[in-house]
PDB file of N, CA and C in Angstrom:
ATOM      1  N   MET A   1      -7.365  37.598  11.005  1.00  0.00           N
ATOM      2  CA  MET A   1      -6.181  37.138  11.695  1.00  0.00           C
ATOM      3  C   MET A   1      -5.344  36.223  10.795  1.00  0.00           C
ATOM      4  N   LEU A   2      -5.958  35.346  10.023  1.00  0.00           N
ATOM      5  CA  LEU A   2      -5.206  34.479   9.141  1.00  0.00           C
ATOM      6  C   LEU A   2      -4.458  35.271   8.085  1.00  0.00           C
ATOM      7  N   LYS A   3      -5.050  36.355   7.620  1.00  0.00           N
ATOM      8  CA  LYS A   3      -4.405  37.175   6.615  1.00  0.00           C
ATOM      9  C   LYS A   3      -3.113  37.769   7.151  1.00  0.00           C
ATOM     10  N   VAL A   4      -3.133  38.252   8.358  1.00  0.00           N
ATOM     11  CA  VAL A   4      -1.943  38.846   8.970  1.00  0.00           C
ATOM     12  C   VAL A   4      -0.850  37.788   9.109  1.00  0.00           C
ATOM     13  N   LEU A   5      -1.188  36.588   9.547  1.00  0.00           N
ATOM     14  CA  LEU A   5      -0.205  35.527   9.699  1.00  0.00           C
ATOM     15  C   LEU A   5       0.359  35.105   8.352  1.00  0.00           C
ATOM     16  N   ALA A   6      -0.488  35.031   7.335  1.00  0.00           N
ATOM     17  CA  ALA A   6      -0.025  34.642   6.010  1.00  0.00           C
ATOM     18  C   ALA A   6       0.928  35.682   5.446  1.00  0.00           C
ATOM     19  N   GLU A   7       0.628  36.952   5.622  1.00  0.00           N
ATOM     20  CA  GLU A   7       1.524  38.005   5.140  1.00  0.00           C
ATOM     21  C   GLU A   7       2.840  37.971   5.885  1.00  0.00           C
ATOM     22  N   LYS A   8       2.803  37.742   7.189  1.00  0.00           N
ATOM     23  CA  LYS A   8       4.028  37.670   7.972  1.00  0.00           C
ATOM     24  C   LYS A   8       4.880  36.477   7.527  1.00  0.00           C
ATOM     25  N   ALA A   9       4.259  35.323   7.329  1.00  0.00           N
ATOM     26  CA  ALA A   9       4.995  34.134   6.925  1.00  0.00           C
ATOM     27  C   ALA A   9       5.613  34.312   5.540  1.00  0.00           C
ATOM     28  N   ALA A  10       4.929  34.977   4.653  1.00  0.00           N
ATOM     29  CA  ALA A  10       5.441  35.172   3.302  1.00  0.00           C
ATOM     30  C   ALA A  10       6.638  36.112   3.286  1.00  0.00           C
ATOM     31  N   SER A  11       6.716  37.026   4.235  1.00  0.00           N
ATOM     32  CA  SER A  11       7.805  37.997   4.236  1.00  0.00           C
ATOM     33  C   SER A  11       9.046  37.500   4.979  1.00  0.00           C
ATOM     34  N   GLU A  12       8.942  36.428   5.737  1.00  0.00           N
ATOM     35  CA  GLU A  12      10.080  35.919   6.502  1.00  0.00           C
ATOM     36  C   GLU A  12      11.001  35.080   5.623  1.00  0.00           C
ATOM     37  N   GLU A  13      12.286  35.154   5.898  1.00  0.00           N
ATOM     38  CA  GLU A  13      13.290  34.353   5.189  1.00  0.00           C
ATOM     39  C   GLU A  13      13.262  32.936   5.755  1.00  0.00           C
ATOM     40  N   PRO A  14      13.314  31.910   4.908  1.00  0.00           N
ATOM     41  CA  PRO A  14      13.319  30.532   5.420  1.00  0.00           C
ATOM     42  C   PRO A  14      14.524  30.276   6.320  1.00  0.00           C
ATOM     43  N   ALA A  15      14.350  29.410   7.292  1.00  0.00           N
ATOM     44  CA  ALA A  15      15.398  29.138   8.269  1.00  0.00           C
ATOM     45  C   ALA A  15      16.570  28.379   7.645  1.00  0.00           C
ATOM     46  N   PHE A  16      16.352  27.617   6.590  1.00  0.00           N
ATOM     47  CA  PHE A  16      17.405  26.780   6.017  1.00  0.00           C
ATOM     48  C   PHE A  16      18.210  27.467   4.937  1.00  0.00           C
ATOM     49  N   GLY A  17      17.956  28.703   4.629  1.00  0.00           N
ATOM     50  CA  GLY A  17      18.707  29.413   3.593  1.00  0.00           C
ATOM     51  C   GLY A  17      17.800  29.874   2.481  1.00  0.00           C
ATOM     52  N   SER A  18      18.400  30.220   1.363  1.00  0.00           N
ATOM     53  CA  SER A  18      17.590  30.758   0.286  1.00  0.00           C
ATOM     54  C   SER A  18      16.775  29.658  -0.384  1.00  0.00           C
ATOM     55  N   THR A  19      15.633  30.034  -0.901  1.00  0.00           N
ATOM     56  CA  THR A  19      14.773  29.065  -1.568  1.00  0.00           C
ATOM     57  C   THR A  19      15.371  28.645  -2.904  1.00  0.00           C
ATOM     58  N   ARG A  20      16.194  29.487  -3.513  1.00  0.00           N
ATOM     59  CA  ARG A  20      16.852  29.095  -4.760  1.00  0.00           C
ATOM     60  C   ARG A  20      17.817  27.951  -4.537  1.00  0.00           C
ATOM     61  N   SER A  21      18.583  28.011  -3.473  1.00  0.00           N
ATOM     62  CA  SER A  21      19.509  26.920  -3.165  1.00  0.00           C
ATOM     63  C   SER A  21      18.748  25.630  -2.896  1.00  0.00           C
ATOM     64  N   ALA A  22      17.650  25.733  -2.169  1.00  0.00           N
ATOM     65  CA  ALA A  22      16.846  24.549  -1.876  1.00  0.00           C
ATOM     66  C   ALA A  22      16.244  23.995  -3.162  1.00  0.00           C
ATOM     67  N   GLY A  23      15.818  24.862  -4.054  1.00  0.00           N
ATOM     68  CA  GLY A  23      15.245  24.425  -5.320  1.00  0.00           C
ATOM     69  C   GLY A  23      16.278  23.728  -6.183  1.00  0.00           C
ATOM     70  N   LYS A  24      17.486  24.264  -6.219  1.00  0.00           N
ATOM     71  CA  LYS A  24      18.563  23.624  -6.985  1.00  0.00           C
ATOM     72  C   LYS A  24      18.889  22.258  -6.408  1.00  0.00           C
ATOM     73  N   GLU A  25      18.924  22.157  -5.092  1.00  0.00           N
ATOM     74  CA  GLU A  25      19.230  20.883  -4.442  1.00  0.00           C
ATOM     75  C   GLU A  25      18.126  19.866  -4.720  1.00  0.00           C
ATOM     76  N   ARG A  26      16.874  20.296  -4.676  1.00  0.00           N
ATOM     77  CA  ARG A  26      15.765  19.387  -4.991  1.00  0.00           C
ATOM     78  C   ARG A  26      15.870  18.915  -6.441  1.00  0.00           C
ATOM     79  N   GLY A  27      16.218  19.821  -7.337  1.00  0.00           N
ATOM     80  CA  GLY A  27      16.372  19.452  -8.741  1.00  0.00           C
ATOM     81  C   GLY A  27      17.491  18.450  -8.943  1.00  0.00           C
ATOM     82  N   ARG A  28      18.605  18.648  -8.243  1.00  0.00           N
ATOM     83  CA  ARG A  28      19.720  17.710  -8.342  1.00  0.00           C
ATOM     84  C   ARG A  28      19.332  16.353  -7.785  1.00  0.00           C
ATOM     85  N   MET A  29      18.638  16.331  -6.664  1.00  0.00           N
ATOM     86  CA  MET A  29      18.207  15.075  -6.065  1.00  0.00           C
ATOM     87  C   MET A  29      17.228  14.340  -6.981  1.00  0.00           C
ATOM     88  N   LEU A  30      16.346  15.077  -7.629  1.00  0.00           N
ATOM     89  CA  LEU A  30      15.402  14.473  -8.564  1.00  0.00           C
ATOM     90  C   LEU A  30      16.144  13.876  -9.763  1.00  0.00           C
ATOM     91  N   ALA A  31      17.134  14.601 -10.280  1.00  0.00           N
ATOM     92  CA  ALA A  31      17.913  14.104 -11.416  1.00  0.00           C
ATOM     93  C   ALA A  31      18.652  12.818 -11.048  1.00  0.00           C
ATOM     94  N   VAL A  32      19.226  12.763  -9.875  1.00  0.00           N
ATOM     95  CA  VAL A  32      19.940  11.566  -9.428  1.00  0.00           C
ATOM     96  C   VAL A  32      18.967  10.394  -9.289  1.00  0.00           C
ATOM     97  N   ALA A  33      17.787  10.651  -8.727  1.00  0.00           N
ATOM     98  CA  ALA A  33      16.794   9.589  -8.566  1.00  0.00           C
ATOM     99  C   ALA A  33      16.313   9.073  -9.923  1.00  0.00           C
ATOM    100  N   LEU A  34      16.089   9.975 -10.874  1.00  0.00           N
ATOM    101  CA  LEU A  34      15.647   9.555 -12.200  1.00  0.00           C
ATOM    102  C   LEU A  34      16.724   8.750 -12.921  1.00  0.00           C
ATOM    103  N   GLU A  35      17.982   9.166 -12.792  1.00  0.00           N
ATOM    104  CA  GLU A  35      19.092   8.420 -13.390  1.00  0.00           C
ATOM    105  C   GLU A  35      19.135   6.999 -12.836  1.00  0.00           C
ATOM    106  N   ALA A  36      18.966   6.863 -11.530  1.00  0.00           N
ATOM    107  CA  ALA A  36      18.998   5.539 -10.908  1.00  0.00           C
ATOM    108  C   ALA A  36      17.828   4.691 -11.395  1.00  0.00           C
ATOM    109  N   GLU A  37      16.665   5.290 -11.554  1.00  0.00           N
ATOM    110  CA  GLU A  37      15.500   4.555 -12.034  1.00  0.00           C
ATOM    111  C   GLU A  37      15.695   4.085 -13.476  1.00  0.00           C
ATOM    112  N   VAL A  38      16.248   4.939 -14.315  1.00  0.00           N
ATOM    113  CA  VAL A  38      16.513   4.562 -15.708  1.00  0.00           C
ATOM    114  C   VAL A  38      17.545   3.443 -15.756  1.00  0.00           C
ATOM    115  N   ASP A  39      18.612   3.568 -14.992  1.00  0.00           N
ATOM    116  CA  ASP A  39      19.645   2.528 -14.962  1.00  0.00           C
ATOM    117  C   ASP A  39      19.055   1.182 -14.545  1.00  0.00           C
ATOM    118  N   ALA A  40      18.203   1.186 -13.529  1.00  0.00           N
ATOM    119  CA  ALA A  40      17.590  -0.049 -13.053  1.00  0.00           C
ATOM    120  C   ALA A  40      16.672  -0.649 -14.118  1.00  0.00           C
ATOM    121  N   TYR A  41      15.915   0.181 -14.807  1.00  0.00           N
ATOM    122  CA  TYR A  41      15.002  -0.302 -15.846  1.00  0.00           C
ATOM    123  C   TYR A  41      15.778  -0.931 -17.006  1.00  0.00           C
ATOM    124  N   VAL A  42      16.826  -0.251 -17.450  1.00  0.00           N
ATOM    125  CA  VAL A  42      17.629  -0.778 -18.556  1.00  0.00           C
ATOM    126  C   VAL A  42      18.293  -2.096 -18.138  1.00  0.00           C
ATOM    127  N   ALA A  43      18.820  -2.156 -16.926  1.00  0.00           N
ATOM    128  CA  ALA A  43      19.465  -3.379 -16.445  1.00  0.00           C
ATOM    129  C   ALA A  43      18.465  -4.532 -16.353  1.00  0.00           C
ATOM    130  N   GLU A  44      17.229  -4.228 -15.975  1.00  0.00           N
ATOM    131  CA  GLU A  44      16.201  -5.253 -15.856  1.00  0.00           C
ATOM    132  C   GLU A  44      15.845  -5.867 -17.221  1.00  0.00           C
ATOM    133  N   HIS A  45      16.031  -5.109 -18.302  1.00  0.00           N
ATOM    134  CA  HIS A  45      15.623  -5.555 -19.629  1.00  0.00           C
ATOM    135  C   HIS A  45      16.809  -5.833 -20.568  1.00  0.00           C
ATOM    136  N   LEU A  46      17.957  -6.133 -20.008  1.00  0.00           N
ATOM    137  CA  LEU A  46      19.140  -6.409 -20.828  1.00  0.00           C
ATOM    138  C   LEU A  46      18.943  -7.607 -21.758  1.00  0.00           C
ATOM    139  N   GLU A  47      18.212  -8.581 -21.327  1.00  0.00           N
ATOM    140  CA  GLU A  47      18.048  -9.817 -22.106  1.00  0.00           C
ATOM    141  C   GLU A  47      16.930  -9.735 -23.137  1.00  0.00           C
ATOM    142  N   ASP A  48      16.115  -8.692 -23.105  1.00  0.00           N
ATOM    143  CA  ASP A  48      15.008  -8.562 -24.058  1.00  0.00           C
ATOM    144  C   ASP A  48      15.560  -8.186 -25.428  1.00  0.00           C
ATOM    145  N   ARG A  49      15.337  -9.078 -26.420  1.00  0.00           N
ATOM    146  CA  ARG A  49      15.888  -8.882 -27.762  1.00  0.00           C
ATOM    147  C   ARG A  49      14.786  -9.067 -28.803  1.00  0.00           C
ATOM    148  N   ASP A  50      14.975  -8.443 -29.962  1.00  0.00           N
ATOM    149  CA  ASP A  50      14.053  -8.663 -31.076  1.00  0.00           C
ATOM    150  C   ASP A  50      14.529  -9.877 -31.886  1.00  0.00           C
ATOM    151  N   ASP A  51      13.872 -10.142 -33.000  1.00  0.00           N
ATOM    152  CA  ASP A  51      14.205 -11.313 -33.818  1.00  0.00           C
ATOM    153  C   ASP A  51      15.617 -11.258 -34.396  1.00  0.00           C
ATOM    154  N   LEU A  52      16.162 -10.054 -34.529  1.00  0.00           N
ATOM    155  CA  LEU A  52      17.514  -9.899 -35.075  1.00  0.00           C
ATOM    156  C   LEU A  52      18.594  -9.862 -33.996  1.00  0.00           C
ATOM    157  N   GLY A  53      18.184  -9.964 -32.740  1.00  0.00           N
ATOM    158  CA  GLY A  53      19.138  -9.964 -31.645  1.00  0.00           C
ATOM    159  C   GLY A  53      19.445  -8.597 -31.070  1.00  0.00           C
ATOM    160  N   HIS A  54      18.774  -7.568 -31.556  1.00  0.00           N
ATOM    161  CA  HIS A  54      18.992  -6.214 -31.018  1.00  0.00           C
ATOM    162  C   HIS A  54      18.243  -6.045 -29.703  1.00  0.00           C
ATOM    163  N   ARG A  55      18.868  -5.349 -28.797  1.00  0.00           N
ATOM    164  CA  ARG A  55      18.211  -5.074 -27.518  1.00  0.00           C
ATOM    165  C   ARG A  55      16.980  -4.214 -27.742  1.00  0.00           C
ATOM    166  N   LEU A  56      15.909  -4.531 -27.019  1.00  0.00           N
ATOM    167  CA  LEU A  56      14.672  -3.770 -27.146  1.00  0.00           C
ATOM    168  C   LEU A  56      14.676  -2.509 -26.291  1.00  0.00           C
ATOM    169  N   VAL A  57      15.443  -2.531 -25.215  1.00  0.00           N
ATOM    170  CA  VAL A  57      15.531  -1.373 -24.316  1.00  0.00           C
ATOM    171  C   VAL A  57      16.975  -0.909 -24.299  1.00  0.00           C
ATOM    172  N   VAL A  58      17.191   0.336 -24.712  1.00  0.00           N
ATOM    173  CA  VAL A  58      18.526   0.931 -24.695  1.00  0.00           C
ATOM    174  C   VAL A  58      18.460   2.270 -23.987  1.00  0.00           C
ATOM    175  N   ARG A  59      19.606   2.711 -23.526  1.00  0.00           N
ATOM    176  CA  ARG A  59      19.672   3.967 -22.773  1.00  0.00           C
ATOM    177  C   ARG A  59      19.450   5.180 -23.682  1.00  0.00           C
ATOM    178  N   ASN A  60      20.210   5.264 -24.746  1.00  0.00           N
ATOM    179  CA  ASN A  60      20.141   6.401 -25.665  1.00  0.00           C
ATOM    180  C   ASN A  60      20.210   5.884 -27.096  1.00  0.00           C
ATOM    181  N   GLY A  61      19.907   6.753 -28.012  1.00  0.00           N
ATOM    182  CA  GLY A  61      20.061   6.384 -29.406  1.00  0.00           C
ATOM    183  C   GLY A  61      18.764   6.511 -30.162  1.00  0.00           C
ATOM    184  N   PRO A  62      18.877   6.543 -31.478  1.00  0.00           N
ATOM    185  CA  PRO A  62      17.670   6.669 -32.297  1.00  0.00           C
ATOM    186  C   PRO A  62      16.887   5.363 -32.295  1.00  0.00           C
ATOM    187  N   PRO A  63      15.590   5.442 -32.535  1.00  0.00           N
ATOM    188  CA  PRO A  63      14.810   4.203 -32.612  1.00  0.00           C
ATOM    189  C   PRO A  63      15.207   3.398 -33.837  1.00  0.00           C
ATOM    190  N   ARG A  64      15.153   2.102 -33.728  1.00  0.00           N
ATOM    191  CA  ARG A  64      15.474   1.224 -34.843  1.00  0.00           C
ATOM    192  C   ARG A  64      14.282   1.177 -35.798  1.00  0.00           C
ATOM    193  N   PRO A  65      14.563   1.077 -37.097  1.00  0.00           N
ATOM    194  CA  PRO A  65      13.450   0.931 -38.041  1.00  0.00           C
ATOM    195  C   PRO A  65      12.753  -0.411 -37.841  1.00  0.00           C
ATOM    196  N   ALA A  66      11.471  -0.441 -38.101  1.00  0.00           N
ATOM    197  CA  ALA A  66      10.712  -1.687 -37.975  1.00  0.00           C
ATOM    198  C   ALA A  66      11.160  -2.667 -39.038  1.00  0.00           C
ATOM    199  N   PRO A  67      11.311  -3.951 -38.664  1.00  0.00           N
ATOM    200  CA  PRO A  67      11.759  -4.954 -39.646  1.00  0.00           C
ATOM    201  C   PRO A  67      10.698  -5.227 -40.701  1.00  0.00           C
TER     202      PRO A  67
END
């Protein structure tokens, strides 16, 4: 009986639309959440500096050579 129900459920179209659209929306929501988390982390560490005054946490860019 479980096999029949599983096959039926797998063949039905989701009620909210296509799964591709839902997957794209989940991906977009994840990207927005990650961007917000990165922004918050960088803002939290704005004052962290090395001996030369360079910020230790930056958003993008190549790593600085070790002094």
